Each structure stands twice: as structure tokens, then as C-alpha cells.
């Protein structure tokens, strides 16, 4: 539970709107999932990159009472719209 509160504090301190996020990357990939799961507009989703390297990323996104954490890796095919693939995802709310 303490981890959830930490992530919420990080979201408030460092969040940017989905429109401000890069068009390619793990952030936009998670925004895309959330717009489909929760039937919201991309502009409503807030995104925080928790950590990102050349080989992996961990992203937090939230809208209303819904929040998701996704671990992603760079896509292996150039056809991937966002250039990244989801490795795992956990959502609450």
C-alpha cells in the first residue's frame, strides 16, 4: 500500500498530460491501452515514466480513479506503432 501512495505522489509531482508525452515510446503505448480499457480520451490520461533505459521501461499512467503500471521493452519489429511492446501491466480502479 505504501508503494501505491509513493506512485500517487510521484504522479502529482511529475505528471504530464498524454498530449505532452512523446508520440512514440512506452508512455504513449500505455495511454493507448488505457483509452481502450477505460473508454477515455488520451488527453485525460496522465503519464509518468518511472524509469527508462534503452532496453526496458516502467511507466505509470492514471485517469480518474484508474491507474496502471506497465513494464515495456523496445519492439522487435518496425511496424510497432509506438516502438515499444508491453511486457506486463497491472491496473487498479
PDB file of N, CA and C in Angstrom:
ATOM      1  N   UNK A   1       0.813  -1.187   0.000  1.00  0.00           N
ATOM      2  CA  UNK A   1       0.000   0.000   0.000  1.00  0.00           C
ATOM      3  C   UNK A   1       0.863   1.260   0.000  1.00  0.00           C
ATOM      4  N   UNK A   2       2.006   1.212   0.714  1.00  0.00           N
ATOM      5  CA  UNK A   2       2.909   2.358   0.733  1.00  0.00           C
ATOM      6  C   UNK A   2       3.432   2.661  -0.663  1.00  0.00           C
ATOM      7  N   UNK A   3       3.643   1.606  -1.452  1.00  0.00           N
ATOM      8  CA  UNK A   3       4.134   1.788  -2.817  1.00  0.00           C
ATOM      9  C   UNK A   3       3.112   2.552  -3.645  1.00  0.00           C
ATOM     10  N   UNK A   4       1.846   2.240  -3.484  1.00  0.00           N
ATOM     11  CA  UNK A   4       0.788   2.934  -4.224  1.00  0.00           C
ATOM     12  C   UNK A   4       0.802   4.421  -3.889  1.00  0.00           C
ATOM     13  N   UNK A   5       0.909   4.746  -2.594  1.00  0.00           N
ATOM     14  CA  UNK A   5       0.943   6.155  -2.206  1.00  0.00           C
ATOM     15  C   UNK A   5       2.164   6.854  -2.771  1.00  0.00           C
ATOM     16  N   UNK A   6       3.299   6.157  -2.817  1.00  0.00           N
ATOM     17  CA  UNK A   6       4.507   6.729  -3.409  1.00  0.00           C
ATOM     18  C   UNK A   6       4.275   7.047  -4.877  1.00  0.00           C
ATOM     19  N   UNK A   7       3.679   6.123  -5.606  1.00  0.00           N
ATOM     20  CA  UNK A   7       3.410   6.353  -7.024  1.00  0.00           C
ATOM     21  C   UNK A   7       2.434   7.510  -7.220  1.00  0.00           C
ATOM     22  N   UNK A   8       1.443   7.606  -6.360  1.00  0.00           N
ATOM     23  CA  UNK A   8       0.497   8.718  -6.476  1.00  0.00           C
ATOM     24  C   UNK A   8       1.211  10.040  -6.249  1.00  0.00           C
ATOM     25  N   UNK A   9       2.097  10.098  -5.256  1.00  0.00           N
ATOM     26  CA  UNK A   9       2.866  11.320  -5.009  1.00  0.00           C
ATOM     27  C   UNK A   9       3.743  11.659  -6.204  1.00  0.00           C
ATOM     28  N   UNK A  10       4.369  10.648  -6.794  1.00  0.00           N
ATOM     29  CA  UNK A  10       5.200  10.870  -7.989  1.00  0.00           C
ATOM     30  C   UNK A  10       4.351  11.377  -9.146  1.00  0.00           C
ATOM     31  N   UNK A  11       3.156  10.828  -9.297  1.00  0.00           N
ATOM     32  CA  UNK A  11       2.273  11.246 -10.381  1.00  0.00           C
ATOM     33  C   UNK A  11       1.931  12.720 -10.254  1.00  0.00           C
ATOM     34  N   UNK A  12       1.599  13.132  -9.049  1.00  0.00           N
ATOM     35  CA  UNK A  12       1.221  14.526  -8.843  1.00  0.00           C
ATOM     36  C   UNK A  12       2.408  15.443  -9.095  1.00  0.00           C
ATOM     37  N   UNK A  13       3.589  15.035  -8.641  1.00  0.00           N
ATOM     38  CA  UNK A  13       4.777  15.875  -8.766  1.00  0.00           C
ATOM     39  C   UNK A  13       5.318  15.943 -10.180  1.00  0.00           C
ATOM     40  N   UNK A  14       5.242  14.853 -10.936  1.00  0.00           N
ATOM     41  CA  UNK A  14       5.935  14.810 -12.223  1.00  0.00           C
ATOM     42  C   UNK A  14       5.040  14.480 -13.405  1.00  0.00           C
ATOM     43  N   UNK A  15       3.759  14.421 -13.217  1.00  0.00           N
ATOM     44  CA  UNK A  15       2.865  14.021 -14.301  1.00  0.00           C
ATOM     45  C   UNK A  15       2.788  15.041 -15.418  1.00  0.00           C
ATOM     46  N   UNK A  16       2.627  14.529 -16.611  1.00  0.00           N
ATOM     47  CA  UNK A  16       2.381  15.367 -17.780  1.00  0.00           C
ATOM     48  C   UNK A  16       1.173  14.791 -18.490  1.00  0.00           C
ATOM     49  N   UNK A  17       0.491  15.595 -19.253  1.00  0.00           N
ATOM     50  CA  UNK A  17      -0.666  15.077 -19.972  1.00  0.00           C
ATOM     51  C   UNK A  17      -0.198  14.146 -21.079  1.00  0.00           C
ATOM     52  N   UNK A  18      -1.092  13.291 -21.517  1.00  0.00           N
ATOM     53  CA  UNK A  18      -0.750  12.352 -22.584  1.00  0.00           C
ATOM     54  C   UNK A  18      -0.360  13.094 -23.850  1.00  0.00           C
ATOM     55  N   UNK A  19      -0.966  14.253 -24.087  1.00  0.00           N
ATOM     56  CA  UNK A  19      -0.645  15.019 -25.291  1.00  0.00           C
ATOM     57  C   UNK A  19       0.776  15.553 -25.253  1.00  0.00           C
ATOM     58  N   UNK A  20       1.314  15.761 -24.042  1.00  0.00           N
ATOM     59  CA  UNK A  20       2.675  16.256 -23.911  1.00  0.00           C
ATOM     60  C   UNK A  20       3.703  15.136 -24.035  1.00  0.00           C
ATOM     61  N   UNK A  21       3.254  13.893 -23.853  1.00  0.00           N
ATOM     62  CA  UNK A  21       4.175  12.763 -23.964  1.00  0.00           C
ATOM     63  C   UNK A  21       4.609  12.594 -25.416  1.00  0.00           C
ATOM     64  N   UNK A  22       5.717  11.945 -25.602  1.00  0.00           N
ATOM     65  CA  UNK A  22       6.194  11.687 -26.961  1.00  0.00           C
ATOM     66  C   UNK A  22       5.211  10.814 -27.713  1.00  0.00           C
ATOM     67  N   UNK A  23       5.156  10.965 -29.033  1.00  0.00           N
ATOM     68  CA  UNK A  23       4.233  10.154 -29.824  1.00  0.00           C
ATOM     69  C   UNK A  23       4.669   8.706 -29.905  1.00  0.00           C
ATOM     70  N   UNK A  24       5.951   8.434 -29.766  1.00  0.00           N
ATOM     71  CA  UNK A  24       6.442   7.061 -29.724  1.00  0.00           C
ATOM     72  C   UNK A  24       7.086   6.837 -28.377  1.00  0.00           C
ATOM     73  N   UNK A  25       6.964   5.634 -27.873  1.00  0.00           N
ATOM     74  CA  UNK A  25       7.580   5.316 -26.597  1.00  0.00           C
ATOM     75  C   UNK A  25       6.634   4.531 -25.712  1.00  0.00           C
ATOM     76  N   UNK A  26       7.126   4.126 -24.549  1.00  0.00           N
ATOM     77  CA  UNK A  26       6.297   3.333 -23.649  1.00  0.00           C
ATOM     78  C   UNK A  26       5.133   4.126 -23.057  1.00  0.00           C
ATOM     79  N   UNK A  27       5.297   5.429 -22.859  1.00  0.00           N
ATOM     80  CA  UNK A  27       4.204   6.250 -22.325  1.00  0.00           C
ATOM     81  C   UNK A  27       2.988   6.261 -23.233  1.00  0.00           C
ATOM     82  N   UNK A  28       3.164   6.628 -24.502  1.00  0.00           N
ATOM     83  CA  UNK A  28       2.024   6.606 -25.417  1.00  0.00           C
ATOM     84  C   UNK A  28       1.404   5.213 -25.581  1.00  0.00           C
ATOM     85  N   UNK A  29       2.226   4.170 -25.475  1.00  0.00           N
ATOM     86  CA  UNK A  29       1.691   2.808 -25.556  1.00  0.00           C
ATOM     87  C   UNK A  29       0.715   2.563 -24.405  1.00  0.00           C
ATOM     88  N   UNK A  30       1.101   2.950 -23.188  1.00  0.00           N
ATOM     89  CA  UNK A  30       0.217   2.753 -22.042  1.00  0.00           C
ATOM     90  C   UNK A  30      -1.022   3.639 -22.146  1.00  0.00           C
ATOM     91  N   UNK A  31      -0.867   4.854 -22.626  1.00  0.00           N
ATOM     92  CA  UNK A  31      -2.028   5.726 -22.838  1.00  0.00           C
ATOM     93  C   UNK A  31      -3.011   5.051 -23.792  1.00  0.00           C
ATOM     94  N   UNK A  32      -2.496   4.449 -24.854  1.00  0.00           N
ATOM     95  CA  UNK A  32      -3.352   3.758 -25.815  1.00  0.00           C
ATOM     96  C   UNK A  32      -4.144   2.638 -25.141  1.00  0.00           C
ATOM     97  N   UNK A  33      -3.475   1.835 -24.320  1.00  0.00           N
ATOM     98  CA  UNK A  33      -4.177   0.775 -23.596  1.00  0.00           C
ATOM     99  C   UNK A  33      -5.272   1.365 -22.707  1.00  0.00           C
ATOM    100  N   UNK A  34      -4.946   2.417 -21.968  1.00  0.00           N
ATOM    101  CA  UNK A  34      -5.909   2.985 -21.024  1.00  0.00           C
ATOM    102  C   UNK A  34      -7.118   3.601 -21.723  1.00  0.00           C
ATOM    103  N   UNK A  35      -6.912   4.208 -22.878  1.00  0.00           N
ATOM    104  CA  UNK A  35      -8.057   4.775 -23.597  1.00  0.00           C
ATOM    105  C   UNK A  35      -9.022   3.674 -24.023  1.00  0.00           C
ATOM    106  N   UNK A  36      -8.477   2.515 -24.352  1.00  0.00           N
ATOM    107  CA  UNK A  36      -9.327   1.392 -24.744  1.00  0.00           C
ATOM    108  C   UNK A  36      -9.982   0.723 -23.537  1.00  0.00           C
ATOM    109  N   UNK A  37      -9.212   0.505 -22.468  1.00  0.00           N
ATOM    110  CA  UNK A  37      -9.743  -0.179 -21.282  1.00  0.00           C
ATOM    111  C   UNK A  37     -10.822   0.634 -20.583  1.00  0.00           C
ATOM    112  N   UNK A  38     -10.606   1.942 -20.464  1.00  0.00           N
ATOM    113  CA  UNK A  38     -11.478   2.779 -19.637  1.00  0.00           C
ATOM    114  C   UNK A  38     -12.347   3.744 -20.437  1.00  0.00           C
ATOM    115  N   UNK A  39     -12.305   3.657 -21.756  1.00  0.00           N
ATOM    116  CA  UNK A  39     -13.140   4.483 -22.634  1.00  0.00           C
ATOM    117  C   UNK A  39     -13.016   5.972 -22.293  1.00  0.00           C
ATOM    118  N   UNK A  40     -11.767   6.456 -22.298  1.00  0.00           N
ATOM    119  CA  UNK A  40     -11.476   7.866 -22.034  1.00  0.00           C
ATOM    120  C   UNK A  40     -10.668   8.428 -23.200  1.00  0.00           C
ATOM    121  N   UNK A  41     -10.564   9.728 -23.251  1.00  0.00           N
ATOM    122  CA  UNK A  41      -9.755  10.390 -24.276  1.00  0.00           C
ATOM    123  C   UNK A  41      -8.290  10.387 -23.842  1.00  0.00           C
ATOM    124  N   UNK A  42      -7.382  10.315 -24.787  1.00  0.00           N
ATOM    125  CA  UNK A  42      -5.952  10.321 -24.487  1.00  0.00           C
ATOM    126  C   UNK A  42      -5.558  11.571 -23.706  1.00  0.00           C
ATOM    127  N   UNK A  43      -6.194  12.686 -23.986  1.00  0.00           N
ATOM    128  CA  UNK A  43      -5.858  13.938 -23.302  1.00  0.00           C
ATOM    129  C   UNK A  43      -6.204  13.912 -21.815  1.00  0.00           C
ATOM    130  N   UNK A  44      -7.023  12.954 -21.389  1.00  0.00           N
ATOM    131  CA  UNK A  44      -7.397  12.828 -19.980  1.00  0.00           C
ATOM    132  C   UNK A  44      -6.383  12.014 -19.184  1.00  0.00           C
ATOM    133  N   UNK A  45      -5.544  11.244 -19.849  1.00  0.00           N
ATOM    134  CA  UNK A  45      -4.624  10.322 -19.190  1.00  0.00           C
ATOM    135  C   UNK A  45      -3.331  11.052 -18.829  1.00  0.00           C
ATOM    136  N   UNK A  46      -2.918  10.909 -17.572  1.00  0.00           N
ATOM    137  CA  UNK A  46      -1.649  11.470 -17.098  1.00  0.00           C
ATOM    138  C   UNK A  46      -0.606  10.357 -17.106  1.00  0.00           C
ATOM    139  N   UNK A  47       0.644  10.708 -17.439  1.00  0.00           N
ATOM    140  CA  UNK A  47       1.699   9.709 -17.613  1.00  0.00           C
ATOM    141  C   UNK A  47       2.953  10.135 -16.863  1.00  0.00           C
ATOM    142  N   UNK A  48       3.598   9.168 -16.204  1.00  0.00           N
ATOM    143  CA  UNK A  48       4.901   9.384 -15.586  1.00  0.00           C
ATOM    144  C   UNK A  48       5.799   8.221 -15.968  1.00  0.00           C
ATOM    145  N   UNK A  49       6.960   8.528 -16.514  1.00  0.00           N
ATOM    146  CA  UNK A  49       7.956   7.494 -16.786  1.00  0.00           C
ATOM    147  C   UNK A  49       8.706   7.264 -15.477  1.00  0.00           C
ATOM    148  N   UNK A  50       8.539   6.098 -14.887  1.00  0.00           N
ATOM    149  CA  UNK A  50       9.196   5.785 -13.623  1.00  0.00           C
ATOM    150  C   UNK A  50      10.681   5.557 -13.863  1.00  0.00           C
ATOM    151  N   UNK A  51      10.988   4.742 -14.854  1.00  0.00           N
ATOM    152  CA  UNK A  51      12.380   4.537 -15.263  1.00  0.00           C
ATOM    153  C   UNK A  51      12.398   4.064 -16.706  1.00  0.00           C
ATOM    154  N   UNK A  52      13.440   4.441 -17.425  1.00  0.00           N
ATOM    155  CA  UNK A  52      13.566   4.024 -18.819  1.00  0.00           C
ATOM    156  C   UNK A  52      15.032   3.950 -19.194  1.00  0.00           C
ATOM    157  N   UNK A  53      15.383   2.828 -19.817  1.00  0.00           N
ATOM    158  CA  UNK A  53      16.711   2.639 -20.389  1.00  0.00           C
ATOM    159  C   UNK A  53      16.516   2.283 -21.859  1.00  0.00           C
ATOM    160  N   UNK A  54      17.591   1.976 -22.537  1.00  0.00           N
ATOM    161  CA  UNK A  54      17.487   1.585 -23.942  1.00  0.00           C
ATOM    162  C   UNK A  54      16.809   0.227 -24.106  1.00  0.00           C
ATOM    163  N   UNK A  55      16.780  -0.573 -23.037  1.00  0.00           N
ATOM    164  CA  UNK A  55      16.258  -1.936 -23.157  1.00  0.00           C
ATOM    165  C   UNK A  55      14.985  -2.211 -22.365  1.00  0.00           C
ATOM    166  N   UNK A  56      14.538  -1.279 -21.543  1.00  0.00           N
ATOM    167  CA  UNK A  56      13.336  -1.520 -20.736  1.00  0.00           C
ATOM    168  C   UNK A  56      12.793  -0.205 -20.195  1.00  0.00           C
ATOM    169  N   UNK A  57      11.519  -0.229 -19.834  1.00  0.00           N
ATOM    170  CA  UNK A  57      10.891   0.948 -19.238  1.00  0.00           C
ATOM    171  C   UNK A  57       9.795   0.513 -18.282  1.00  0.00           C
ATOM    172  N   UNK A  58       9.551   1.361 -17.295  1.00  0.00           N
ATOM    173  CA  UNK A  58       8.444   1.178 -16.368  1.00  0.00           C
ATOM    174  C   UNK A  58       7.676   2.493 -16.351  1.00  0.00           C
ATOM    175  N   UNK A  59       6.377   2.414 -16.643  1.00  0.00           N
ATOM    176  CA  UNK A  59       5.557   3.609 -16.839  1.00  0.00           C
ATOM    177  C   UNK A  59       4.318   3.531 -15.953  1.00  0.00           C
ATOM    178  N   UNK A  60       3.948   4.667 -15.390  1.00  0.00           N
ATOM    179  CA  UNK A  60       2.742   4.787 -14.588  1.00  0.00           C
ATOM    180  C   UNK A  60       1.806   5.751 -15.295  1.00  0.00           C
ATOM    181  N   UNK A  61       0.534   5.382 -15.401  1.00  0.00           N
ATOM    182  CA  UNK A  61      -0.457   6.272 -16.004  1.00  0.00           C
ATOM    183  C   UNK A  61      -1.740   6.177 -15.196  1.00  0.00           C
ATOM    184  N   UNK A  62      -2.501   7.266 -15.187  1.00  0.00           N
ATOM    185  CA  UNK A  62      -3.742   7.286 -14.440  1.00  0.00           C
ATOM    186  C   UNK A  62      -4.745   8.229 -15.074  1.00  0.00           C
ATOM    187  N   UNK A  63      -5.996   7.907 -14.837  1.00  0.00           N
ATOM    188  CA  UNK A  63      -7.114   8.756 -15.250  1.00  0.00           C
ATOM    189  C   UNK A  63      -8.229   8.504 -14.241  1.00  0.00           C
ATOM    190  N   UNK A  64      -8.722   9.561 -13.615  1.00  0.00           N
ATOM    191  CA  UNK A  64      -9.736   9.392 -12.583  1.00  0.00           C
ATOM    192  C   UNK A  64      -9.225   8.481 -11.485  1.00  0.00           C
ATOM    193  N   UNK A  65     -10.001   7.464 -11.134  1.00  0.00           N
ATOM    194  CA  UNK A  65      -9.592   6.523 -10.088  1.00  0.00           C
ATOM    195  C   UNK A  65      -8.843   5.316 -10.643  1.00  0.00           C
ATOM    196  N   UNK A  66      -8.572   5.302 -11.932  1.00  0.00           N
ATOM    197  CA  UNK A  66      -7.875   4.187 -12.573  1.00  0.00           C
ATOM    198  C   UNK A  66      -6.388   4.499 -12.690  1.00  0.00           C
ATOM    199  N   UNK A  67      -5.560   3.515 -12.360  1.00  0.00           N
ATOM    200  CA  UNK A  67      -4.123   3.673 -12.562  1.00  0.00           C
ATOM    201  C   UNK A  67      -3.526   2.356 -13.029  1.00  0.00           C
ATOM    202  N   UNK A  68      -2.526   2.456 -13.889  1.00  0.00           N
ATOM    203  CA  UNK A  68      -1.857   1.273 -14.424  1.00  0.00           C
ATOM    204  C   UNK A  68      -0.351   1.483 -14.396  1.00  0.00           C
ATOM    205  N   UNK A  69       0.361   0.406 -14.125  1.00  0.00           N
ATOM    206  CA  UNK A  69       1.814   0.381 -14.233  1.00  0.00           C
ATOM    207  C   UNK A  69       2.146  -0.649 -15.299  1.00  0.00           C
ATOM    208  N   UNK A  70       2.983  -0.266 -16.248  1.00  0.00           N
ATOM    209  CA  UNK A  70       3.353  -1.162 -17.338  1.00  0.00           C
ATOM    210  C   UNK A  70       4.870  -1.256 -17.420  1.00  0.00           C
ATOM    211  N   UNK A  71       5.355  -2.463 -17.613  1.00  0.00           N
ATOM    212  CA  UNK A  71       6.754  -2.685 -17.950  1.00  0.00           C
ATOM    213  C   UNK A  71       6.793  -2.990 -19.432  1.00  0.00           C
ATOM    214  N   UNK A  72       7.708  -2.352 -20.144  1.00  0.00           N
ATOM    215  CA  UNK A  72       7.759  -2.491 -21.601  1.00  0.00           C
ATOM    216  C   UNK A  72       9.195  -2.650 -22.069  1.00  0.00           C
ATOM    217  N   UNK A  73       9.313  -3.180 -23.270  1.00  0.00           N
ATOM    218  CA  UNK A  73      10.617  -3.338 -23.927  1.00  0.00           C
ATOM    219  C   UNK A  73      10.502  -2.795 -25.348  1.00  0.00           C
ATOM    220  N   UNK A  74      11.612  -2.392 -25.938  1.00  0.00           N
ATOM    221  CA  UNK A  74      11.551  -1.931 -27.326  1.00  0.00           C
ATOM    222  C   UNK A  74      11.004  -3.031 -28.237  1.00  0.00           C
ATOM    223  N   UNK A  75      10.172  -2.642 -29.170  1.00  0.00           N
ATOM    224  CA  UNK A  75       9.587  -3.604 -30.108  1.00  0.00           C
ATOM    225  C   UNK A  75      10.661  -4.143 -31.041  1.00  0.00           C
ATOM    226  N   UNK A  76      10.469  -5.370 -31.453  1.00  0.00           N
ATOM    227  CA  UNK A  76      11.441  -6.001 -32.345  1.00  0.00           C
ATOM    228  C   UNK A  76      11.083  -5.841 -33.814  1.00  0.00           C
ATOM    229  N   UNK A  77       9.913  -5.287 -34.091  1.00  0.00           N
ATOM    230  CA  UNK A  77       9.511  -5.071 -35.482  1.00  0.00           C
ATOM    231  C   UNK A  77       9.266  -3.587 -35.726  1.00  0.00           C
ATOM    232  N   UNK A  78       9.619  -3.103 -36.888  1.00  0.00           N
ATOM    233  CA  UNK A  78       9.422  -1.678 -37.179  1.00  0.00           C
ATOM    234  C   UNK A  78       7.950  -1.295 -37.342  1.00  0.00           C
ATOM    235  N   UNK A  79       7.066  -2.272 -37.471  1.00  0.00           N
ATOM    236  CA  UNK A  79       5.644  -1.986 -37.641  1.00  0.00           C
ATOM    237  C   UNK A  79       4.958  -1.579 -36.338  1.00  0.00           C
ATOM    238  N   UNK A  80       5.621  -1.767 -35.207  1.00  0.00           N
ATOM    239  CA  UNK A  80       5.014  -1.422 -33.919  1.00  0.00           C
ATOM    240  C   UNK A  80       4.751   0.078 -33.869  1.00  0.00           C
ATOM    241  N   UNK A  81       3.501   0.450 -33.698  1.00  0.00           N
ATOM    242  CA  UNK A  81       3.083   1.856 -33.777  1.00  0.00           C
ATOM    243  C   UNK A  81       3.846   2.758 -32.819  1.00  0.00           C
ATOM    244  N   UNK A  82       4.084   2.293 -31.605  1.00  0.00           N
ATOM    245  CA  UNK A  82       4.733   3.123 -30.598  1.00  0.00           C
ATOM    246  C   UNK A  82       6.202   2.786 -30.399  1.00  0.00           C
ATOM    247  N   UNK A  83       6.689   1.753 -31.097  1.00  0.00           N
ATOM    248  CA  UNK A  83       8.091   1.373 -30.988  1.00  0.00           C
ATOM    249  C   UNK A  83       8.422   0.557 -29.751  1.00  0.00           C
ATOM    250  N   UNK A  84       7.425   0.270 -28.928  1.00  0.00           N
ATOM    251  CA  UNK A  84       7.615  -0.496 -27.696  1.00  0.00           C
ATOM    252  C   UNK A  84       6.525  -1.559 -27.594  1.00  0.00           C
ATOM    253  N   UNK A  85       6.819  -2.631 -26.823  1.00  0.00           N
ATOM    254  CA  UNK A  85       5.860  -3.705 -26.571  1.00  0.00           C
ATOM    255  C   UNK A  85       5.685  -3.864 -25.070  1.00  0.00           C
ATOM    256  N   UNK A  86       4.458  -4.126 -24.654  1.00  0.00           N
ATOM    257  CA  UNK A  86       4.180  -4.324 -23.238  1.00  0.00           C
ATOM    258  C   UNK A  86       4.685  -5.681 -22.794  1.00  0.00           C
ATOM    259  N   UNK A  87       5.433  -5.705 -21.696  1.00  0.00           N
ATOM    260  CA  UNK A  87       5.890  -6.959 -21.119  1.00  0.00           C
ATOM    261  C   UNK A  87       4.949  -7.422 -20.017  1.00  0.00           C
ATOM    262  N   UNK A  88       4.453  -6.465 -19.226  1.00  0.00           N
ATOM    263  CA  UNK A  88       3.475  -6.758 -18.178  1.00  0.00           C
ATOM    264  C   UNK A  88       2.730  -5.476 -17.838  1.00  0.00           C
ATOM    265  N   UNK A  89       1.545  -5.654 -17.282  1.00  0.00           N
ATOM    266  CA  UNK A  89       0.743  -4.496 -16.909  1.00  0.00           C
ATOM    267  C   UNK A  89      -0.103  -4.854 -15.695  1.00  0.00           C
ATOM    268  N   UNK A  90      -0.223  -3.909 -14.785  1.00  0.00           N
ATOM    269  CA  UNK A  90      -1.051  -4.084 -13.603  1.00  0.00           C
ATOM    270  C   UNK A  90      -1.898  -2.831 -13.431  1.00  0.00           C
ATOM    271  N   UNK A  91      -3.213  -3.018 -13.318  1.00  0.00           N
ATOM    272  CA  UNK A  91      -4.121  -1.872 -13.200  1.00  0.00           C
ATOM    273  C   UNK A  91      -5.000  -2.013 -11.965  1.00  0.00           C
ATOM    274  N   UNK A  92      -5.380  -0.872 -11.397  1.00  0.00           N
ATOM    275  CA  UNK A  92      -6.298  -0.809 -10.263  1.00  0.00           C
ATOM    276  C   UNK A  92      -7.327   0.273 -10.526  1.00  0.00           C
ATOM    277  N   UNK A  93      -8.484   0.083  -9.962  1.00  0.00           N
ATOM    278  CA  UNK A  93      -9.516   1.112 -10.045  1.00  0.00           C
ATOM    279  C   UNK A  93     -10.553   0.842 -11.084  1.00  0.00           C
TER     280      UNK A  93
END
